[in-house]
Amino acid sequence: MKPTIIIADDHPLLLKGLYDFLSEKKFNIVGQYPDGNAAYNAIVKDAPDIAVLDIQMPIMSGIEVAAACKKNKIETKIVLITLHREKDLYLQAKELNIFGYILKEFAIEEIELCLNAVIEGTPYFSPNITQSLNVDEQADEKLKLLTPSEKKILKLIAEDNSNKEIAELLFISARTVEKHRSNIISKLDLTPKTNSLLLWAKEHRTFLI
């Protein structure tokens, strides 16, 4: 049986266009919705295999739907479509374990490729956005190795805080900060030079959201 797919977009013409295109390509579209809340309710009720969502929608955005699915351990694979190229939005979406991210201007060209990849269990992130944002996928993967506390400390390092200042801000000891720094250096596979962590943190600070 073909994987079940729902789609959601608050623009009726775009929603119809996407539905018609995917139906023509023989994808199994089982629902189409005009806002994020309706899409999320359908995900909870019907558990579709894939949900293709516009990022900006009334009541609940695509990002909010993805966040709710992650929080509630819902297994529907989320694909987000957006007009926006902001790196922080892209990185926020990646943090939510989404399976696809494509730009609306390339949606018709890429949605078939994206869905076929997702059906095979492979995430698809549009080259058009990763190239335009100069996204360092390797750095993004390394950051996934860090704990929330380590990410917080790395962000404070990028903001030029000393060990003592970080310790005071986080209500921990300077020795604990130093231990975290050592763990971060190891996980990021950096050479333990004096400024190696500071330089890496500054270079990749846009990833530290």
C-alpha atoms as a PDB file:
ATOM      1  CA  MET A   1       0.000   0.000   0.000  1.00  0.00           C
ATOM      2  CA  LYS A   2       1.269   3.452  -0.916  1.00  0.00           C
ATOM      3  CA  PRO A   3       2.335   5.758   1.950  1.00  0.00           C
ATOM      4  CA  THR A   4      -0.418   8.155   3.000  1.00  0.00           C
ATOM      5  CA  ILE A   5       0.257  11.880   2.588  1.00  0.00           C
ATOM      6  CA  ILE A   6      -1.562  15.007   3.741  1.00  0.00           C
ATOM      7  CA  ILE A   7      -0.855  18.554   2.544  1.00  0.00           C
ATOM      8  CA  ALA A   8      -1.590  21.938   4.115  1.00  0.00           C
ATOM      9  CA  ASP A   9      -1.341  25.509   2.818  1.00  0.00           C
ATOM     10  CA  ASP A  10      -3.428  28.569   3.595  1.00  0.00           C
ATOM     11  CA  HIS A  11      -3.365  29.720  -0.048  1.00  0.00           C
ATOM     12  CA  PRO A  12      -6.214  27.875  -1.851  1.00  0.00           C
ATOM     13  CA  LEU A  13      -4.635  28.081  -5.316  1.00  0.00           C
ATOM     14  CA  LEU A  14      -1.272  26.785  -4.086  1.00  0.00           C
ATOM     15  CA  LEU A  15      -2.982  24.004  -2.150  1.00  0.00           C
ATOM     16  CA  LYS A  16      -5.009  22.967  -5.200  1.00  0.00           C
ATOM     17  CA  GLY A  17      -1.953  23.159  -7.451  1.00  0.00           C
ATOM     18  CA  LEU A  18       0.068  20.961  -5.113  1.00  0.00           C
ATOM     19  CA  TYR A  19      -2.802  18.489  -4.726  1.00  0.00           C
ATOM     20  CA  ASP A  20      -3.377  18.254  -8.488  1.00  0.00           C
ATOM     21  CA  PHE A  21       0.335  17.806  -9.220  1.00  0.00           C
ATOM     22  CA  LEU A  22       0.894  15.110  -6.595  1.00  0.00           C
ATOM     23  CA  SER A  23      -2.302  13.283  -7.542  1.00  0.00           C
ATOM     24  CA  GLU A  24      -1.195  13.278 -11.180  1.00  0.00           C
ATOM     25  CA  LYS A  25       2.119  11.753 -10.046  1.00  0.00           C
ATOM     26  CA  LYS A  26       0.133   8.974  -8.317  1.00  0.00           C
ATOM     27  CA  PHE A  27       1.010   9.910  -4.729  1.00  0.00           C
ATOM     28  CA  ASN A  28      -1.588   8.814  -2.172  1.00  0.00           C
ATOM     29  CA  ILE A  29      -2.994  12.159  -0.950  1.00  0.00           C
ATOM     30  CA  VAL A  30      -5.533  11.432   1.793  1.00  0.00           C
ATOM     31  CA  GLY A  31      -6.240  14.977   2.992  1.00  0.00           C
ATOM     32  CA  GLN A  32      -5.693  18.671   2.280  1.00  0.00           C
ATOM     33  CA  TYR A  33      -6.048  21.416   4.884  1.00  0.00           C
ATOM     34  CA  PRO A  34      -6.116  25.249   4.957  1.00  0.00           C
ATOM     35  CA  ASP A  35      -4.285  25.799   8.253  1.00  0.00           C
ATOM     36  CA  GLY A  36      -1.807  24.200  10.642  1.00  0.00           C
ATOM     37  CA  ASN A  37      -4.344  23.354  13.320  1.00  0.00           C
ATOM     38  CA  ALA A  38      -6.508  21.350  10.928  1.00  0.00           C
ATOM     39  CA  ALA A  39      -3.396  19.607   9.623  1.00  0.00           C
ATOM     40  CA  TYR A  40      -2.199  18.740  13.129  1.00  0.00           C
ATOM     41  CA  ASN A  41      -5.626  17.372  14.113  1.00  0.00           C
ATOM     42  CA  ALA A  42      -5.541  15.177  10.992  1.00  0.00           C
ATOM     43  CA  ILE A  43      -2.037  13.966  11.874  1.00  0.00           C
ATOM     44  CA  VAL A  44      -3.181  13.013  15.386  1.00  0.00           C
ATOM     45  CA  LYS A  45      -6.404  11.378  14.185  1.00  0.00           C
ATOM     46  CA  ASP A  46      -5.296   9.628  10.997  1.00  0.00           C
ATOM     47  CA  ALA A  47      -1.508   9.177  11.477  1.00  0.00           C
ATOM     48  CA  PRO A  48      -0.503   9.783   7.845  1.00  0.00           C
ATOM     49  CA  ASP A  49       2.977   8.633   6.856  1.00  0.00           C
ATOM     50  CA  ILE A  50       3.966  12.094   5.570  1.00  0.00           C
ATOM     51  CA  ALA A  51       2.677  15.656   6.089  1.00  0.00           C
ATOM     52  CA  VAL A  52       3.672  18.378   3.607  1.00  0.00           C
ATOM     53  CA  LEU A  53       3.180  21.713   5.375  1.00  0.00           C
ATOM     54  CA  ASP A  54       3.600  25.369   4.522  1.00  0.00           C
ATOM     55  CA  ILE A  55       5.744  26.962   7.219  1.00  0.00           C
ATOM     56  CA  GLN A  56       3.545  30.064   7.600  1.00  0.00           C
ATOM     57  CA  MET A  57      -0.107  29.205   8.209  1.00  0.00           C
ATOM     58  CA  PRO A  58      -2.895  30.514  10.452  1.00  0.00           C
ATOM     59  CA  ILE A  59      -3.532  29.138  13.972  1.00  0.00           C
ATOM     60  CA  MET A  60      -0.508  26.804  13.871  1.00  0.00           C
ATOM     61  CA  SER A  61       2.528  27.292  11.640  1.00  0.00           C
ATOM     62  CA  GLY A  62       4.276  24.372   9.988  1.00  0.00           C
ATOM     63  CA  ILE A  63       7.097  24.804  12.506  1.00  0.00           C
ATOM     64  CA  GLU A  64       4.614  24.626  15.410  1.00  0.00           C
ATOM     65  CA  VAL A  65       3.041  21.486  13.964  1.00  0.00           C
ATOM     66  CA  ALA A  66       6.491  19.892  13.634  1.00  0.00           C
ATOM     67  CA  ALA A  67       7.320  20.893  17.224  1.00  0.00           C
ATOM     68  CA  ALA A  68       4.059  19.400  18.520  1.00  0.00           C
ATOM     69  CA  CYS A  69       4.716  16.162  16.610  1.00  0.00           C
ATOM     70  CA  LYS A  70       8.221  15.913  18.066  1.00  0.00           C
ATOM     71  CA  LYS A  71       6.993  16.668  21.593  1.00  0.00           C
ATOM     72  CA  ASN A  72       4.248  14.041  21.379  1.00  0.00           C
ATOM     73  CA  LYS A  73       6.466  11.457  19.643  1.00  0.00           C
ATOM     74  CA  ILE A  74       4.260  11.319  16.551  1.00  0.00           C
ATOM     75  CA  GLU A  75       5.915   9.346  13.766  1.00  0.00           C
ATOM     76  CA  THR A  76       4.474  11.237  10.778  1.00  0.00           C
ATOM     77  CA  LYS A  77       7.389  12.527   8.695  1.00  0.00           C
ATOM     78  CA  ILE A  78       7.189  16.300   8.251  1.00  0.00           C
ATOM     79  CA  VAL A  79       8.138  18.106   5.027  1.00  0.00           C
ATOM     80  CA  LEU A  80       8.151  21.912   5.209  1.00  0.00           C
ATOM     81  CA  ILE A  81       7.689  24.273   2.272  1.00  0.00           C
ATOM     82  CA  THR A  82       8.630  27.928   2.638  1.00  0.00           C
ATOM     83  CA  LEU A  83       9.131  31.227   0.842  1.00  0.00           C
ATOM     84  CA  HIS A  84      11.787  32.248   3.344  1.00  0.00           C
ATOM     85  CA  ARG A  85      15.538  31.734   3.187  1.00  0.00           C
ATOM     86  CA  GLU A  86      16.493  32.776   6.739  1.00  0.00           C
ATOM     87  CA  LYS A  87      19.170  30.526   8.214  1.00  0.00           C
ATOM     88  CA  ASP A  88      17.721  30.626  11.741  1.00  0.00           C
ATOM     89  CA  LEU A  89      14.378  29.302  10.436  1.00  0.00           C
ATOM     90  CA  TYR A  90      16.162  26.509   8.562  1.00  0.00           C
ATOM     91  CA  LEU A  91      18.196  25.537  11.623  1.00  0.00           C
ATOM     92  CA  GLN A  92      15.096  25.682  13.837  1.00  0.00           C
ATOM     93  CA  ALA A  93      13.370  23.288  11.454  1.00  0.00           C
ATOM     94  CA  LYS A  94      16.366  20.918  11.470  1.00  0.00           C
ATOM     95  CA  GLU A  95      16.242  20.816  15.273  1.00  0.00           C
ATOM     96  CA  LEU A  96      12.693  19.438  15.014  1.00  0.00           C
ATOM     97  CA  ASN A  97      13.843  16.328  13.123  1.00  0.00           C
ATOM     98  CA  ILE A  98      11.878  17.169   9.996  1.00  0.00           C
ATOM     99  CA  PHE A  99      12.367  14.989   6.921  1.00  0.00           C
ATOM    100  CA  GLY A 100      12.197  17.618   4.198  1.00  0.00           C
ATOM    101  CA  TYR A 101      12.673  21.330   3.580  1.00  0.00           C
ATOM    102  CA  ILE A 102      12.110  22.969   0.194  1.00  0.00           C
ATOM    103  CA  LEU A 103      11.486  26.451  -1.179  1.00  0.00           C
ATOM    104  CA  LYS A 104       8.089  27.272  -2.651  1.00  0.00           C
ATOM    105  CA  GLU A 105       9.637  28.707  -5.798  1.00  0.00           C
ATOM    106  CA  PHE A 106      11.146  25.277  -6.523  1.00  0.00           C
ATOM    107  CA  ALA A 107       8.336  23.192  -5.005  1.00  0.00           C
ATOM    108  CA  ILE A 108       6.960  21.727  -8.225  1.00  0.00           C
ATOM    109  CA  GLU A 109      10.491  20.869  -9.392  1.00  0.00           C
ATOM    110  CA  GLU A 110      11.546  19.295  -6.101  1.00  0.00           C
ATOM    111  CA  ILE A 111       8.486  17.941  -4.284  1.00  0.00           C
ATOM    112  CA  GLU A 112       8.468  14.664  -6.251  1.00  0.00           C
ATOM    113  CA  LEU A 113      12.186  14.106  -5.540  1.00  0.00           C
ATOM    114  CA  CYS A 114      11.639  15.039  -1.913  1.00  0.00           C
ATOM    115  CA  LEU A 115       8.694  12.710  -1.333  1.00  0.00           C
ATOM    116  CA  ASN A 116      10.364   9.779  -3.067  1.00  0.00           C
ATOM    117  CA  ALA A 117      13.406  10.260  -0.819  1.00  0.00           C
ATOM    118  CA  VAL A 118      11.264  10.543   2.324  1.00  0.00           C
ATOM    119  CA  ILE A 119       9.293   7.419   1.374  1.00  0.00           C
ATOM    120  CA  GLU A 120      12.633   5.591   1.227  1.00  0.00           C
ATOM    121  CA  GLY A 121      13.479   6.951   4.696  1.00  0.00           C
ATOM    122  CA  THR A 122      15.998   9.550   3.482  1.00  0.00           C
ATOM    123  CA  PRO A 123      15.643  13.206   4.562  1.00  0.00           C
ATOM    124  CA  TYR A 124      15.634  15.720   1.691  1.00  0.00           C
ATOM    125  CA  PHE A 125      16.845  19.288   2.123  1.00  0.00           C
ATOM    126  CA  SER A 126      16.707  21.401  -1.003  1.00  0.00           C
ATOM    127  CA  PRO A 127      20.164  22.164  -2.450  1.00  0.00           C
ATOM    128  CA  ASN A 128      18.692  25.524  -3.477  1.00  0.00           C
ATOM    129  CA  ILE A 129      18.408  26.572   0.168  1.00  0.00           C
ATOM    130  CA  THR A 130      21.474  24.861   1.629  1.00  0.00           C
ATOM    131  CA  GLN A 131      23.650  26.479  -1.056  1.00  0.00           C
ATOM    132  CA  SER A 132      22.083  29.932  -0.747  1.00  0.00           C
ATOM    133  CA  LEU A 133      22.494  29.847   3.053  1.00  0.00           C
ATOM    134  CA  ASN A 134      25.982  28.367   2.821  1.00  0.00           C
ATOM    135  CA  VAL A 135      24.854  25.788   5.363  1.00  0.00           C
ATOM    136  CA  ASP A 136      27.666  23.722   6.845  1.00  0.00           C
ATOM    137  CA  GLU A 137      25.975  20.329   7.161  1.00  0.00           C
ATOM    138  CA  GLN A 138      29.056  18.817   8.799  1.00  0.00           C
ATOM    139  CA  ALA A 139      28.985  21.424  11.567  1.00  0.00           C
ATOM    140  CA  ASP A 140      25.259  20.853  11.996  1.00  0.00           C
ATOM    141  CA  GLU A 141      25.831  17.113  12.468  1.00  0.00           C
ATOM    142  CA  LYS A 142      28.615  17.720  15.001  1.00  0.00           C
ATOM    143  CA  LEU A 143      26.388  20.018  17.041  1.00  0.00           C
ATOM    144  CA  LYS A 144      23.858  17.185  17.391  1.00  0.00           C
ATOM    145  CA  LEU A 145      26.470  15.389  19.493  1.00  0.00           C
ATOM    146  CA  LEU A 146      26.372  18.130  22.125  1.00  0.00           C
ATOM    147  CA  THR A 147      24.079  18.152  25.150  1.00  0.00           C
ATOM    148  CA  PRO A 148      21.777  21.170  25.714  1.00  0.00           C
ATOM    149  CA  SER A 149      24.166  22.384  28.455  1.00  0.00           C
ATOM    150  CA  GLU A 150      27.151  22.121  26.130  1.00  0.00           C
ATOM    151  CA  LYS A 151      25.310  24.037  23.402  1.00  0.00           C
ATOM    152  CA  LYS A 152      24.454  26.770  25.909  1.00  0.00           C
ATOM    153  CA  ILE A 153      28.098  27.038  26.976  1.00  0.00           C
ATOM    154  CA  LEU A 154      29.274  27.093  23.349  1.00  0.00           C
ATOM    155  CA  LYS A 155      26.890  29.959  22.605  1.00  0.00           C
ATOM    156  CA  LEU A 156      28.252  31.897  25.599  1.00  0.00           C
ATOM    157  CA  ILE A 157      31.806  31.211  24.397  1.00  0.00           C
ATOM    158  CA  ALA A 158      30.847  32.650  20.990  1.00  0.00           C
ATOM    159  CA  GLU A 159      29.706  35.799  22.829  1.00  0.00           C
ATOM    160  CA  ASP A 160      33.225  36.213  24.327  1.00  0.00           C
ATOM    161  CA  ASN A 161      32.353  35.178  27.870  1.00  0.00           C
ATOM    162  CA  SER A 162      35.197  33.855  30.028  1.00  0.00           C
ATOM    163  CA  ASN A 163      34.978  30.624  32.028  1.00  0.00           C
ATOM    164  CA  LYS A 164      34.316  32.650  35.158  1.00  0.00           C
ATOM    165  CA  GLU A 165      31.552  34.686  33.479  1.00  0.00           C
ATOM    166  CA  ILE A 166      29.930  31.536  32.078  1.00  0.00           C
ATOM    167  CA  ALA A 167      30.060  29.913  35.514  1.00  0.00           C
ATOM    168  CA  GLU A 168      28.316  32.931  37.070  1.00  0.00           C
ATOM    169  CA  LEU A 169      25.668  33.094  34.336  1.00  0.00           C
ATOM    170  CA  LEU A 170      24.835  29.386  34.626  1.00  0.00           C
ATOM    171  CA  PHE A 171      25.289  29.098  38.403  1.00  0.00           C
ATOM    172  CA  ILE A 172      27.943  26.407  38.091  1.00  0.00           C
ATOM    173  CA  SER A 173      31.620  26.244  39.021  1.00  0.00           C
ATOM    174  CA  ALA A 174      34.424  27.383  36.719  1.00  0.00           C
ATOM    175  CA  ARG A 175      35.810  23.843  36.983  1.00  0.00           C
ATOM    176  CA  THR A 176      32.537  22.463  35.601  1.00  0.00           C
ATOM    177  CA  VAL A 177      32.723  24.935  32.713  1.00  0.00           C
ATOM    178  CA  GLU A 178      36.262  23.782  31.957  1.00  0.00           C
ATOM    179  CA  LYS A 179      35.105  20.154  31.944  1.00  0.00           C
ATOM    180  CA  HIS A 180      32.309  21.037  29.530  1.00  0.00           C
ATOM    181  CA  ARG A 181      34.784  22.871  27.289  1.00  0.00           C
ATOM    182  CA  SER A 182      36.997  19.805  27.181  1.00  0.00           C
ATOM    183  CA  ASN A 183      34.042  17.581  26.252  1.00  0.00           C
ATOM    184  CA  ILE A 184      32.919  20.017  23.544  1.00  0.00           C
ATOM    185  CA  ILE A 185      36.418  20.139  22.018  1.00  0.00           C
ATOM    186  CA  SER A 186      36.471  16.344  21.939  1.00  0.00           C
ATOM    187  CA  LYS A 187      33.002  16.030  20.361  1.00  0.00           C
ATOM    188  CA  LEU A 188      33.746  18.686  17.728  1.00  0.00           C
ATOM    189  CA  ASP A 189      37.070  16.967  16.995  1.00  0.00           C
ATOM    190  CA  LEU A 190      39.061  20.190  17.483  1.00  0.00           C
ATOM    191  CA  THR A 191      42.749  20.461  18.252  1.00  0.00           C
ATOM    192  CA  PRO A 192      43.027  21.560  21.914  1.00  0.00           C
ATOM    193  CA  LYS A 193      44.724  24.884  21.161  1.00  0.00           C
ATOM    194  CA  THR A 194      43.978  27.932  23.303  1.00  0.00           C
ATOM    195  CA  ASN A 195      41.576  29.608  20.866  1.00  0.00           C
ATOM    196  CA  SER A 196      40.357  26.677  18.769  1.00  0.00           C
ATOM    197  CA  LEU A 197      36.971  26.440  20.502  1.00  0.00           C
ATOM    198  CA  LEU A 198      36.414  30.201  20.492  1.00  0.00           C
ATOM    199  CA  LEU A 199      37.205  30.428  16.773  1.00  0.00           C
ATOM    200  CA  TRP A 200      34.899  27.500  15.941  1.00  0.00           C
ATOM    201  CA  ALA A 201      32.084  28.947  18.055  1.00  0.00           C
ATOM    202  CA  LYS A 202      32.345  32.349  16.377  1.00  0.00           C
ATOM    203  CA  GLU A 203      32.504  30.856  12.890  1.00  0.00           C
ATOM    204  CA  HIS A 204      29.392  28.751  13.496  1.00  0.00           C
ATOM    205  CA  ARG A 205      27.466  31.061  15.837  1.00  0.00           C
ATOM    206  CA  THR A 206      24.451  31.161  13.494  1.00  0.00           C
ATOM    207  CA  PHE A 207      23.956  27.452  14.264  1.00  0.00           C
ATOM    208  CA  LEU A 208      23.766  28.160  18.005  1.00  0.00           C
ATOM    209  CA  ILE A 209      20.082  29.059  18.295  1.00  0.00           C
END
